[in-house]
Amino acid sequence: MLDMIVMIDGFILKETRTRHFTSMKMQHARFDEFENWLRGWENVESADKTSGDTCCQIVYATDNLAELEHFLSQLLQHGTYRLHSSIRRMK
């Protein structure tokens, strides 16, 4: 068995933390400052500029509600938000 060569063709990492989807409406136009601020948050999985009634979609991944609350309270310095939390991933 030790002489058997195994090649891994691919793998999938499954993230188990809860996703919180935040739609953000900026109260200022300092986008570079805001983007740099977002990069400092380890649990921010992604952030996209969007069209529509909000200008930014942030995905924050955590199971720790105190961490989420802290992030959201700091986010208020940049604008208002709506939060939707994942209950179960379907796909």
N, C-alpha and C. Protein backbone atom coordinates (compact mmCIF):
# COMPACT_ATOMS: atom_id res chain seq x y z
N MET A 1 0.80 -1.20 0.00
CA MET A 1 0.00 0.00 0.00
C MET A 1 0.85 1.26 0.00
N LEU A 2 2.02 1.23 0.57
CA LEU A 2 2.85 2.43 0.62
C LEU A 2 3.33 2.86 -0.74
N ASP A 3 3.39 1.93 -1.69
CA ASP A 3 3.86 2.30 -3.02
C ASP A 3 2.72 2.84 -3.92
N MET A 4 1.50 2.91 -3.38
CA MET A 4 0.37 3.43 -4.15
C MET A 4 0.46 4.95 -4.22
N ILE A 5 0.33 5.47 -5.42
CA ILE A 5 0.35 6.92 -5.61
C ILE A 5 -1.10 7.39 -5.73
N VAL A 6 -1.44 8.37 -4.92
CA VAL A 6 -2.79 8.92 -4.94
C VAL A 6 -2.71 10.36 -5.41
N MET A 7 -3.53 10.69 -6.39
CA MET A 7 -3.56 12.06 -6.88
C MET A 7 -4.91 12.67 -6.50
N ILE A 8 -4.88 13.82 -5.89
CA ILE A 8 -6.11 14.52 -5.54
C ILE A 8 -6.52 15.35 -6.75
N ASP A 9 -7.72 15.10 -7.22
CA ASP A 9 -8.22 15.79 -8.41
C ASP A 9 -8.87 17.12 -8.06
N GLY A 10 -9.38 17.24 -6.86
CA GLY A 10 -10.03 18.47 -6.43
C GLY A 10 -10.61 18.27 -5.04
N PHE A 11 -10.97 19.36 -4.42
CA PHE A 11 -11.59 19.26 -3.11
C PHE A 11 -12.49 20.47 -2.90
N ILE A 12 -13.39 20.35 -1.96
CA ILE A 12 -14.31 21.43 -1.62
C ILE A 12 -14.19 21.72 -0.13
N LEU A 13 -14.00 22.98 0.20
CA LEU A 13 -14.01 23.40 1.59
C LEU A 13 -15.42 23.88 1.92
N LYS A 14 -16.00 23.35 2.97
CA LYS A 14 -17.35 23.76 3.35
C LYS A 14 -17.26 24.67 4.56
N GLU A 15 -17.79 25.85 4.41
CA GLU A 15 -17.83 26.83 5.48
C GLU A 15 -19.11 26.61 6.27
N THR A 16 -18.99 26.52 7.58
CA THR A 16 -20.17 26.23 8.39
C THR A 16 -20.71 27.45 9.12
N ARG A 17 -19.98 28.55 9.12
CA ARG A 17 -20.47 29.73 9.84
C ARG A 17 -21.71 30.30 9.15
N THR A 18 -22.58 30.89 9.95
CA THR A 18 -23.79 31.51 9.43
C THR A 18 -23.44 32.76 8.63
N ARG A 19 -24.11 32.93 7.50
CA ARG A 19 -23.92 34.12 6.66
C ARG A 19 -24.96 35.16 7.01
N HIS A 20 -24.52 36.41 7.09
CA HIS A 20 -25.41 37.54 7.35
C HIS A 20 -25.24 38.49 6.18
N PHE A 21 -26.33 38.75 5.48
CA PHE A 21 -26.31 39.57 4.26
C PHE A 21 -26.77 40.97 4.62
N THR A 22 -25.90 41.93 4.43
CA THR A 22 -26.16 43.30 4.82
C THR A 22 -26.23 44.18 3.58
N SER A 23 -27.37 44.82 3.38
CA SER A 23 -27.53 45.80 2.31
C SER A 23 -27.30 47.17 2.93
N MET A 24 -26.37 47.91 2.36
CA MET A 24 -25.89 49.15 2.96
C MET A 24 -26.24 50.35 2.10
N LYS A 25 -26.71 51.42 2.74
CA LYS A 25 -26.94 52.70 2.07
C LYS A 25 -25.97 53.70 2.70
N MET A 26 -25.00 54.13 1.92
CA MET A 26 -23.95 55.02 2.42
C MET A 26 -24.51 56.40 2.76
N GLN A 27 -23.96 57.01 3.82
CA GLN A 27 -24.33 58.37 4.20
C GLN A 27 -23.24 59.37 3.82
N HIS A 28 -22.21 58.89 3.16
CA HIS A 28 -21.14 59.76 2.68
C HIS A 28 -20.61 59.18 1.37
N ALA A 29 -19.71 59.90 0.74
CA ALA A 29 -19.16 59.47 -0.56
C ALA A 29 -17.68 59.10 -0.45
N ARG A 30 -17.22 58.74 0.74
CA ARG A 30 -15.81 58.37 0.94
C ARG A 30 -15.65 56.86 0.72
N PHE A 31 -15.83 56.44 -0.53
CA PHE A 31 -15.84 55.01 -0.85
C PHE A 31 -14.49 54.34 -0.61
N ASP A 32 -13.39 55.01 -0.94
CA ASP A 32 -12.06 54.42 -0.72
C ASP A 32 -11.84 54.16 0.77
N GLU A 33 -12.20 55.12 1.59
CA GLU A 33 -12.07 54.96 3.05
C GLU A 33 -12.92 53.79 3.54
N PHE A 34 -14.15 53.70 3.03
CA PHE A 34 -15.05 52.63 3.43
C PHE A 34 -14.52 51.27 2.99
N GLU A 35 -14.01 51.17 1.77
CA GLU A 35 -13.46 49.90 1.29
C GLU A 35 -12.25 49.48 2.13
N ASN A 36 -11.40 50.41 2.48
CA ASN A 36 -10.26 50.10 3.34
C ASN A 36 -10.72 49.65 4.72
N TRP A 37 -11.75 50.29 5.24
CA TRP A 37 -12.31 49.92 6.54
C TRP A 37 -12.84 48.49 6.50
N LEU A 38 -13.54 48.12 5.43
CA LEU A 38 -14.07 46.76 5.29
C LEU A 38 -12.97 45.71 5.27
N ARG A 39 -11.85 46.03 4.64
CA ARG A 39 -10.73 45.07 4.55
C ARG A 39 -10.18 44.71 5.93
N GLY A 40 -10.42 45.54 6.91
CA GLY A 40 -9.93 45.28 8.27
C GLY A 40 -10.78 44.30 9.06
N TRP A 41 -11.90 43.90 8.52
CA TRP A 41 -12.80 42.98 9.23
C TRP A 41 -12.61 41.56 8.70
N GLU A 42 -12.07 40.71 9.55
CA GLU A 42 -11.75 39.33 9.18
C GLU A 42 -12.98 38.54 8.72
N ASN A 43 -14.12 38.78 9.33
CA ASN A 43 -15.32 38.00 9.01
C ASN A 43 -16.11 38.53 7.81
N VAL A 44 -15.66 39.63 7.22
CA VAL A 44 -16.31 40.09 5.99
C VAL A 44 -15.84 39.17 4.87
N GLU A 45 -16.75 38.35 4.39
CA GLU A 45 -16.43 37.37 3.36
C GLU A 45 -16.38 38.01 1.98
N SER A 46 -17.30 38.94 1.74
CA SER A 46 -17.31 39.65 0.47
C SER A 46 -18.06 40.96 0.63
N ALA A 47 -17.77 41.88 -0.28
CA ALA A 47 -18.48 43.16 -0.31
C ALA A 47 -18.53 43.60 -1.77
N ASP A 48 -19.72 43.95 -2.22
CA ASP A 48 -19.92 44.34 -3.61
C ASP A 48 -20.65 45.67 -3.69
N LYS A 49 -20.20 46.54 -4.59
CA LYS A 49 -20.99 47.72 -4.92
C LYS A 49 -22.17 47.23 -5.74
N THR A 50 -23.35 47.76 -5.46
CA THR A 50 -24.55 47.29 -6.13
C THR A 50 -25.35 48.46 -6.69
N SER A 51 -26.24 48.13 -7.61
CA SER A 51 -27.19 49.12 -8.10
C SER A 51 -28.51 48.89 -7.37
N GLY A 52 -29.40 49.84 -7.47
CA GLY A 52 -30.69 49.70 -6.80
C GLY A 52 -30.82 50.66 -5.64
N ASP A 53 -31.64 50.29 -4.67
CA ASP A 53 -31.90 51.20 -3.56
C ASP A 53 -30.80 51.19 -2.49
N THR A 54 -29.88 50.26 -2.56
CA THR A 54 -28.70 50.27 -1.68
C THR A 54 -27.46 50.27 -2.56
N CYS A 55 -26.33 50.65 -1.99
CA CYS A 55 -25.12 50.78 -2.82
C CYS A 55 -24.07 49.71 -2.53
N CYS A 56 -24.30 48.89 -1.51
CA CYS A 56 -23.29 47.91 -1.14
C CYS A 56 -23.96 46.69 -0.52
N GLN A 57 -23.47 45.50 -0.89
CA GLN A 57 -23.93 44.24 -0.31
C GLN A 57 -22.73 43.60 0.39
N ILE A 58 -22.85 43.37 1.69
CA ILE A 58 -21.77 42.81 2.49
C ILE A 58 -22.21 41.45 3.01
N VAL A 59 -21.33 40.46 2.88
CA VAL A 59 -21.59 39.14 3.46
C VAL A 59 -20.63 38.99 4.64
N TYR A 60 -21.21 38.87 5.84
CA TYR A 60 -20.44 38.73 7.08
C TYR A 60 -20.70 37.33 7.61
N ALA A 61 -19.65 36.56 7.87
CA ALA A 61 -19.80 35.17 8.30
C ALA A 61 -19.38 35.01 9.76
N THR A 62 -20.34 34.65 10.61
CA THR A 62 -20.04 34.39 12.01
C THR A 62 -21.22 33.68 12.66
N ASP A 63 -20.93 32.90 13.68
CA ASP A 63 -21.96 32.34 14.54
C ASP A 63 -22.03 33.09 15.86
N ASN A 64 -21.11 34.02 16.05
CA ASN A 64 -21.03 34.78 17.29
C ASN A 64 -21.84 36.08 17.14
N LEU A 65 -23.00 36.13 17.77
CA LEU A 65 -23.87 37.28 17.61
C LEU A 65 -23.29 38.55 18.22
N ALA A 66 -22.44 38.42 19.23
CA ALA A 66 -21.78 39.61 19.80
C ALA A 66 -20.83 40.22 18.77
N GLU A 67 -20.11 39.38 18.02
CA GLU A 67 -19.23 39.87 16.94
C GLU A 67 -20.04 40.58 15.86
N LEU A 68 -21.16 39.97 15.49
CA LEU A 68 -22.02 40.58 14.47
C LEU A 68 -22.55 41.92 14.95
N GLU A 69 -23.01 41.99 16.18
CA GLU A 69 -23.54 43.24 16.73
C GLU A 69 -22.47 44.32 16.76
N HIS A 70 -21.24 43.95 17.11
CA HIS A 70 -20.14 44.92 17.13
C HIS A 70 -19.87 45.44 15.72
N PHE A 71 -19.81 44.54 14.74
CA PHE A 71 -19.60 44.96 13.36
C PHE A 71 -20.70 45.91 12.91
N LEU A 72 -21.95 45.56 13.18
CA LEU A 72 -23.07 46.39 12.74
C LEU A 72 -23.07 47.76 13.41
N SER A 73 -22.70 47.81 14.68
CA SER A 73 -22.66 49.11 15.36
C SER A 73 -21.57 49.99 14.77
N GLN A 74 -20.45 49.39 14.37
CA GLN A 74 -19.38 50.16 13.72
C GLN A 74 -19.77 50.56 12.30
N LEU A 75 -20.55 49.73 11.65
CA LEU A 75 -21.01 50.01 10.29
C LEU A 75 -21.87 51.27 10.23
N LEU A 76 -22.56 51.57 11.31
CA LEU A 76 -23.46 52.73 11.35
C LEU A 76 -22.73 54.05 11.12
N GLN A 77 -21.41 54.10 11.36
CA GLN A 77 -20.68 55.34 11.11
C GLN A 77 -20.62 55.66 9.61
N HIS A 78 -20.93 54.66 8.78
CA HIS A 78 -20.86 54.84 7.33
C HIS A 78 -22.24 54.95 6.68
N GLY A 79 -23.28 54.53 7.38
CA GLY A 79 -24.61 54.62 6.79
C GLY A 79 -25.61 53.71 7.48
N THR A 80 -26.73 53.51 6.82
CA THR A 80 -27.77 52.64 7.35
C THR A 80 -27.73 51.30 6.62
N TYR A 81 -28.34 50.29 7.22
CA TYR A 81 -28.27 48.96 6.63
C TYR A 81 -29.56 48.19 6.88
N ARG A 82 -29.74 47.14 6.10
CA ARG A 82 -30.76 46.11 6.32
C ARG A 82 -30.01 44.79 6.44
N LEU A 83 -30.42 43.96 7.37
CA LEU A 83 -29.73 42.70 7.62
C LEU A 83 -30.67 41.53 7.37
N HIS A 84 -30.16 40.53 6.65
CA HIS A 84 -30.85 39.26 6.45
C HIS A 84 -29.85 38.17 6.82
N SER A 85 -30.25 37.27 7.70
CA SER A 85 -29.36 36.18 8.12
C SER A 85 -29.84 34.87 7.52
N SER A 86 -28.88 34.06 7.11
CA SER A 86 -29.19 32.76 6.52
C SER A 86 -29.72 31.82 7.60
N ILE A 87 -30.77 31.11 7.27
CA ILE A 87 -31.31 30.10 8.17
C ILE A 87 -30.78 28.72 7.80
N ARG A 88 -30.71 28.49 6.48
CA ARG A 88 -30.22 27.20 5.98
C ARG A 88 -29.78 27.40 4.54
N ARG A 89 -28.61 26.87 4.20
CA ARG A 89 -28.13 26.93 2.82
C ARG A 89 -28.81 25.84 2.03
N MET A 90 -29.42 26.23 0.91
CA MET A 90 -30.16 25.26 0.09
C MET A 90 -29.30 24.66 -1.00
N LYS A 91 -28.28 25.38 -1.43
CA LYS A 91 -27.41 24.85 -2.48
C LYS A 91 -26.01 25.37 -2.27
